[in-house]
Amino acid sequence: MIPETDLLTDQELEQIEQQLAAATPGPWRHQQCFIEAVANPPQLLGVTIQRSEQGLTDLPGLANGEFIATARSAVPRLISEVRRLRSMLNHQPQRD
């Protein structure tokens, strides 16, 4: 069971929705070391490279970039699913 302190509050969910609404519309993609909005022309949103002793490298930035780009499309779906499940729970008969 998840501790109550780890549950997503309605306020936190609304904050995520506000951040989503303020972000560049999706979908986004990660190509090479660039995160960009899929548009014509593509809109550069971020770069996922890091400096190391060996110079600039795109790892682990590659995995981070894939996650960031995927999140732009996944987060709206996750929010909808949370709202759907909460609605189902709120409409369940109370147990004694």
C-alpha atoms as a PDB file:
ATOM      1  CA  MET A   1       0.000   0.000   0.000  1.00  0.00           C
ATOM      2  CA  ILE A   2       1.249   3.496  -0.820  1.00  0.00           C
ATOM      3  CA  PRO A   3       1.686   5.804   2.181  1.00  0.00           C
ATOM      4  CA  GLU A   4      -0.790   8.729   2.215  1.00  0.00           C
ATOM      5  CA  THR A   5       2.134  11.188   2.022  1.00  0.00           C
ATOM      6  CA  ASP A   6       3.154   9.726  -1.369  1.00  0.00           C
ATOM      7  CA  LEU A   7      -0.273  10.087  -2.991  1.00  0.00           C
ATOM      8  CA  LEU A   8      -0.764  12.740  -5.647  1.00  0.00           C
ATOM      9  CA  THR A   9      -3.032  15.482  -4.325  1.00  0.00           C
ATOM     10  CA  ASP A  10      -5.638  17.277  -6.438  1.00  0.00           C
ATOM     11  CA  GLN A  11      -3.545  20.437  -6.088  1.00  0.00           C
ATOM     12  CA  GLU A  12      -0.433  18.669  -7.399  1.00  0.00           C
ATOM     13  CA  LEU A  13      -2.402  17.216 -10.301  1.00  0.00           C
ATOM     14  CA  GLU A  14      -3.731  20.677 -11.170  1.00  0.00           C
ATOM     15  CA  GLN A  15      -0.191  22.092 -11.014  1.00  0.00           C
ATOM     16  CA  ILE A  16       1.001  19.430 -13.461  1.00  0.00           C
ATOM     17  CA  GLU A  17      -1.906  20.286 -15.779  1.00  0.00           C
ATOM     18  CA  GLN A  18      -0.982  23.980 -15.624  1.00  0.00           C
ATOM     19  CA  GLN A  19       2.645  23.199 -16.445  1.00  0.00           C
ATOM     20  CA  LEU A  20       1.501  21.032 -19.333  1.00  0.00           C
ATOM     21  CA  ALA A  21      -0.746  23.779 -20.679  1.00  0.00           C
ATOM     22  CA  ALA A  22       2.138  26.279 -20.516  1.00  0.00           C
ATOM     23  CA  ALA A  23       4.593  23.963 -22.308  1.00  0.00           C
ATOM     24  CA  THR A  24       5.141  23.878 -26.046  1.00  0.00           C
ATOM     25  CA  PRO A  25       2.474  21.710 -27.687  1.00  0.00           C
ATOM     26  CA  GLY A  26       3.476  18.164 -28.584  1.00  0.00           C
ATOM     27  CA  PRO A  27       4.381  15.797 -29.844  1.00  0.00           C
ATOM     28  CA  TRP A  28       8.059  16.131 -29.065  1.00  0.00           C
ATOM     29  CA  ARG A  29      10.913  13.963 -30.275  1.00  0.00           C
ATOM     30  CA  HIS A  30      14.491  13.320 -29.301  1.00  0.00           C
ATOM     31  CA  GLN A  31      16.940  13.139 -32.182  1.00  0.00           C
ATOM     32  CA  GLN A  32      20.670  12.856 -31.636  1.00  0.00           C
ATOM     33  CA  CYS A  33      21.119  15.215 -28.679  1.00  0.00           C
ATOM     34  CA  PHE A  34      18.214  17.558 -29.411  1.00  0.00           C
ATOM     35  CA  ILE A  35      14.677  17.651 -28.011  1.00  0.00           C
ATOM     36  CA  GLU A  36      12.361  19.346 -30.452  1.00  0.00           C
ATOM     37  CA  ALA A  37       8.688  19.937 -31.045  1.00  0.00           C
ATOM     38  CA  VAL A  38       7.438  18.119 -34.108  1.00  0.00           C
ATOM     39  CA  ALA A  39       6.450  21.075 -36.259  1.00  0.00           C
ATOM     40  CA  ASN A  40       7.321  22.576 -39.590  1.00  0.00           C
ATOM     41  CA  PRO A  41      10.041  23.666 -39.089  1.00  0.00           C
ATOM     42  CA  PRO A  42      10.936  21.701 -35.925  1.00  0.00           C
ATOM     43  CA  GLN A  43      11.250  23.863 -32.804  1.00  0.00           C
ATOM     44  CA  LEU A  44      14.349  23.246 -30.674  1.00  0.00           C
ATOM     45  CA  LEU A  45      13.374  22.800 -27.022  1.00  0.00           C
ATOM     46  CA  GLY A  46      16.506  21.427 -25.404  1.00  0.00           C
ATOM     47  CA  VAL A  47      19.852  19.756 -25.779  1.00  0.00           C
ATOM     48  CA  THR A  48      20.781  16.541 -23.959  1.00  0.00           C
ATOM     49  CA  ILE A  49      24.558  16.462 -23.809  1.00  0.00           C
ATOM     50  CA  GLN A  50      26.852  16.441 -20.832  1.00  0.00           C
ATOM     51  CA  ARG A  51      30.464  17.395 -20.279  1.00  0.00           C
ATOM     52  CA  SER A  52      32.760  14.682 -18.973  1.00  0.00           C
ATOM     53  CA  GLU A  53      36.499  14.052 -18.810  1.00  0.00           C
ATOM     54  CA  GLN A  54      36.208  12.586 -22.304  1.00  0.00           C
ATOM     55  CA  GLY A  55      34.520  15.719 -23.655  1.00  0.00           C
ATOM     56  CA  LEU A  56      30.874  16.160 -24.608  1.00  0.00           C
ATOM     57  CA  THR A  57      28.759  13.031 -24.685  1.00  0.00           C
ATOM     58  CA  ASP A  58      25.059  12.355 -25.138  1.00  0.00           C
ATOM     59  CA  LEU A  59      24.881   9.566 -22.528  1.00  0.00           C
ATOM     60  CA  PRO A  60      23.019   9.366 -20.146  1.00  0.00           C
ATOM     61  CA  GLY A  61      21.476  12.398 -21.812  1.00  0.00           C
ATOM     62  CA  LEU A  62      20.166  10.052 -24.492  1.00  0.00           C
ATOM     63  CA  ALA A  63      17.899   8.219 -22.051  1.00  0.00           C
ATOM     64  CA  ASN A  64      16.912  11.504 -20.405  1.00  0.00           C
ATOM     65  CA  GLY A  65      16.066  13.041 -23.763  1.00  0.00           C
ATOM     66  CA  GLU A  66      13.917  10.065 -24.755  1.00  0.00           C
ATOM     67  CA  PHE A  67      12.065  10.290 -21.444  1.00  0.00           C
ATOM     68  CA  ILE A  68      11.499  14.056 -21.724  1.00  0.00           C
ATOM     69  CA  ALA A  69      10.247  13.802 -25.300  1.00  0.00           C
ATOM     70  CA  THR A  70       7.968  10.861 -24.484  1.00  0.00           C
ATOM     71  CA  ALA A  71       6.611  12.573 -21.358  1.00  0.00           C
ATOM     72  CA  ARG A  72       5.076  15.374 -23.442  1.00  0.00           C
ATOM     73  CA  SER A  73       2.613  12.909 -24.943  1.00  0.00           C
ATOM     74  CA  ALA A  74       2.408  10.516 -21.981  1.00  0.00           C
ATOM     75  CA  VAL A  75       1.609  13.050 -19.239  1.00  0.00           C
ATOM     76  CA  PRO A  76      -1.769  14.150 -20.670  1.00  0.00           C
ATOM     77  CA  ARG A  77      -2.778  10.486 -20.956  1.00  0.00           C
ATOM     78  CA  LEU A  78      -1.633   9.764 -17.407  1.00  0.00           C
ATOM     79  CA  ILE A  79      -3.591  12.741 -16.079  1.00  0.00           C
ATOM     80  CA  SER A  80      -6.711  11.503 -17.869  1.00  0.00           C
ATOM     81  CA  GLU A  81      -6.225   8.037 -16.415  1.00  0.00           C
ATOM     82  CA  VAL A  82      -5.781   9.393 -12.872  1.00  0.00           C
ATOM     83  CA  ARG A  83      -8.940  11.462 -13.227  1.00  0.00           C
ATOM     84  CA  ARG A  84     -10.867   8.490 -14.668  1.00  0.00           C
ATOM     85  CA  LEU A  85      -9.783   6.172 -11.858  1.00  0.00           C
ATOM     86  CA  ARG A  86     -10.512   8.762  -9.179  1.00  0.00           C
ATOM     87  CA  SER A  87     -13.967   9.258 -10.632  1.00  0.00           C
ATOM     88  CA  MET A  88     -14.578   5.501 -10.522  1.00  0.00           C
ATOM     89  CA  LEU A  89     -13.433   5.360  -6.888  1.00  0.00           C
ATOM     90  CA  ASN A  90     -15.629   8.313  -5.934  1.00  0.00           C
ATOM     91  CA  HIS A  91     -18.695   6.585  -7.391  1.00  0.00           C
ATOM     92  CA  GLN A  92     -18.169   3.247  -5.642  1.00  0.00           C
ATOM     93  CA  PRO A  93     -20.645   2.306  -2.943  1.00  0.00           C
ATOM     94  CA  GLN A  94     -19.318   2.878   0.580  1.00  0.00           C
ATOM     95  CA  ARG A  95     -18.273  -0.253   2.459  1.00  0.00           C
ATOM     96  CA  ASP A  96     -19.287  -0.671   6.072  1.00  0.00           C
END
